[in-house]
Amino acid sequence: HPLRIIKTANWLGSLLAEAGRQKVHSILLFGYHGKLMKLAAGIFHTHHHVADGRREVLTAFCAAAGLPKADVRHIFDSETAEAGLTYLRELDDRTGSQWVPQVYGAIAQEIDHRAADYIRTHSDRTVTVGSLLFDRQRQIIVRSQIGKSILTEFC
């Protein structure tokens, strides 16, 4: 299968459904964490005027991972997804915890699952979906297990 890179904006649902209709074998979603984490909540039109949810997604995954209540509250009160990530990184640095890989690993896994389900629902096809999330400085935060596998195929 040839490697194709397609840049998209806020209409990820349309892109994913069309990929299924075009019989694409696998997709690696490579993007900014504040954009892609919306997919973990089933939001496939990601423009913030249509649906935001970044704060809620990050907060929910932090709570599910067992982050202490005061820290969960801080994440919820963060102005941006980037501020929430920065807080988690600082917490990891201060305490030696691994909240960033734990929380973002779960988010990436859910992105893969939700995106694959979305494709199946809208195209009646099965496509392998992996994800790689980066921060504002374009530094990789996490690669999902499927994302790592897809990267290995092409790199």
Protein backbone atom coordinates (compact mmCIF):
# COMPACT_ATOMS: atom_id res chain seq x y z
CA HIS A 1 0.00 0.00 0.00
CA PRO A 2 1.39 3.41 -0.88
CA LEU A 3 2.01 5.91 1.87
CA ARG A 4 -0.14 9.00 1.51
CA ILE A 5 -0.13 12.03 3.72
CA ILE A 6 -3.30 14.08 3.85
CA LYS A 7 -3.56 17.30 5.79
CA THR A 8 -6.99 18.08 7.15
CA ALA A 9 -8.59 20.68 9.35
CA ASN A 10 -11.70 20.39 11.48
CA TRP A 11 -13.70 17.86 9.47
CA LEU A 12 -12.06 14.68 10.68
CA GLY A 13 -15.29 12.70 10.56
CA SER A 14 -15.69 13.31 6.83
CA LEU A 15 -12.07 12.37 6.21
CA LEU A 16 -12.39 9.14 8.22
CA ALA A 17 -15.65 8.09 6.54
CA GLU A 18 -14.18 8.74 3.10
CA ALA A 19 -11.07 6.76 3.98
CA GLY A 20 -13.31 3.80 4.71
CA ARG A 21 -15.20 4.22 1.45
CA GLN A 22 -11.88 4.40 -0.42
CA LYS A 23 -10.80 1.11 1.21
CA VAL A 24 -7.84 2.61 3.03
CA HIS A 25 -6.07 -0.09 5.05
CA SER A 26 -4.74 2.03 7.90
CA ILE A 27 -4.63 5.62 9.11
CA LEU A 28 -2.23 7.33 11.47
CA LEU A 29 -3.83 10.40 13.01
CA PHE A 30 -0.91 12.71 13.72
CA GLY A 31 -1.88 15.96 15.36
CA TYR A 32 -2.13 18.45 18.16
CA HIS A 33 -3.43 16.90 21.37
CA GLY A 34 -6.02 19.62 21.92
CA LYS A 35 -7.57 18.83 18.56
CA LEU A 36 -7.35 15.05 18.50
CA MET A 37 -8.47 14.46 22.09
CA LYS A 38 -11.95 15.53 21.00
CA LEU A 39 -12.18 12.29 19.03
CA ALA A 40 -11.86 10.38 22.32
CA ALA A 41 -15.24 11.89 23.22
CA GLY A 42 -16.81 11.06 19.87
CA ILE A 43 -16.53 14.63 18.56
CA PHE A 44 -15.62 14.34 14.87
CA HIS A 45 -16.14 17.94 13.75
CA THR A 46 -13.42 19.50 15.83
CA HIS A 47 -13.83 23.25 15.31
CA HIS A 48 -14.20 24.81 18.74
CA HIS A 49 -17.29 26.76 17.65
CA VAL A 50 -19.08 23.50 16.84
CA ALA A 51 -17.95 21.41 19.80
CA ASP A 52 -15.11 21.91 22.21
CA GLY A 53 -14.84 19.43 25.05
CA ARG A 54 -11.06 19.47 25.44
CA ARG A 55 -11.21 20.42 29.10
CA GLU A 56 -13.87 17.82 29.80
CA VAL A 57 -12.03 15.04 27.93
CA LEU A 58 -8.74 15.68 29.70
CA THR A 59 -10.48 15.98 33.08
CA ALA A 60 -12.44 12.76 32.59
CA PHE A 61 -9.36 10.77 31.61
CA CYS A 62 -7.41 12.21 34.56
CA ALA A 63 -10.20 11.22 36.95
CA ALA A 64 -10.48 7.75 35.41
CA ALA A 65 -6.71 7.30 35.85
CA GLY A 66 -7.03 8.08 39.56
CA LEU A 67 -5.50 11.55 39.66
CA PRO A 68 -6.23 13.08 43.10
CA LYS A 69 -9.36 15.24 43.27
CA ALA A 70 -7.51 18.55 43.79
CA ASP A 71 -5.38 17.89 40.71
CA VAL A 72 -8.44 16.87 38.68
CA ARG A 73 -10.02 20.18 39.68
CA HIS A 74 -6.89 22.05 38.55
CA ILE A 75 -7.06 20.30 35.16
CA PHE A 76 -10.74 21.19 34.83
CA ASP A 77 -9.98 24.83 35.65
CA SER A 78 -7.12 25.04 33.11
CA GLU A 79 -7.73 27.59 30.36
CA THR A 80 -6.41 25.31 27.59
CA ALA A 81 -5.49 21.70 26.90
CA GLU A 82 -1.88 22.88 26.75
CA ALA A 83 -2.15 24.33 30.27
CA GLY A 84 -3.58 21.03 31.49
CA LEU A 85 -0.71 19.12 29.89
CA THR A 86 1.81 21.52 31.42
CA TYR A 87 0.28 20.96 34.86
CA LEU A 88 0.48 17.17 34.46
CA ARG A 89 4.10 17.43 33.31
CA GLU A 90 4.99 19.60 36.30
CA LEU A 91 3.21 17.15 38.61
CA ASP A 92 5.21 14.27 37.10
CA ASP A 93 8.46 16.23 37.50
CA ARG A 94 7.70 17.11 41.14
CA THR A 95 6.46 13.73 42.29
CA GLY A 96 8.06 11.20 39.95
CA SER A 97 4.58 10.11 38.85
CA GLN A 98 3.70 9.05 35.31
CA TRP A 99 0.40 10.85 34.80
CA VAL A 100 1.21 12.15 31.32
CA PRO A 101 1.93 8.75 29.74
CA GLN A 102 -0.90 7.11 31.68
CA VAL A 103 -3.57 9.70 30.88
CA TYR A 104 -2.49 10.43 27.32
CA GLY A 105 -1.96 6.73 26.59
CA ALA A 106 -5.60 6.12 27.52
CA ILE A 107 -6.74 9.10 25.44
CA ALA A 108 -4.79 7.86 22.40
CA GLN A 109 -6.21 4.36 22.77
CA GLU A 110 -9.74 5.76 22.92
CA ILE A 111 -9.08 7.96 19.87
CA ASP A 112 -8.06 4.85 17.93
CA HIS A 113 -11.14 2.95 19.07
CA ARG A 114 -13.63 5.76 18.45
CA ALA A 115 -12.17 6.66 15.05
CA ALA A 116 -12.23 3.04 13.86
CA ASP A 117 -15.84 2.70 15.07
CA TYR A 118 -16.76 5.94 13.29
CA ILE A 119 -15.32 4.63 10.03
CA ARG A 120 -17.14 1.31 10.41
CA THR A 121 -20.44 3.09 11.14
CA HIS A 122 -20.18 5.51 8.21
CA SER A 123 -18.60 3.31 5.55
CA ASP A 124 -19.24 -0.31 6.56
CA ARG A 125 -15.48 -0.92 6.36
CA THR A 126 -12.84 -1.80 8.89
CA VAL A 127 -9.79 0.46 8.95
CA THR A 128 -6.90 0.23 11.40
CA VAL A 129 -6.51 3.59 13.13
CA GLY A 130 -3.55 4.70 15.23
CA SER A 131 -2.73 8.06 16.73
CA LEU A 132 0.21 10.23 17.65
CA LEU A 133 -0.36 13.38 19.69
CA PHE A 134 2.01 16.32 20.00
CA ASP A 135 2.11 19.54 22.03
CA ARG A 136 2.33 23.20 20.94
CA GLN A 137 6.09 22.87 20.45
CA ARG A 138 5.47 19.88 18.14
CA GLN A 139 7.02 17.52 20.69
CA ILE A 140 5.43 14.08 20.71
CA ILE A 141 3.43 13.40 23.87
CA VAL A 142 2.25 9.88 23.07
CA ARG A 143 1.95 7.27 20.34
CA SER A 144 -0.85 4.75 20.69
CA GLN A 145 0.11 1.08 20.40
CA ILE A 146 -1.58 0.91 17.00
CA GLY A 147 0.10 4.18 16.04
CA LYS A 148 3.51 2.69 16.87
CA SER A 149 2.68 -0.34 14.72
CA ILE A 150 1.64 1.81 11.76
CA LEU A 151 4.79 3.93 12.11
CA THR A 152 6.93 0.78 12.10
CA GLU A 153 5.38 -0.26 8.78
CA PHE A 154 6.41 2.99 7.10
CA CYS A 155 9.58 4.09 8.87
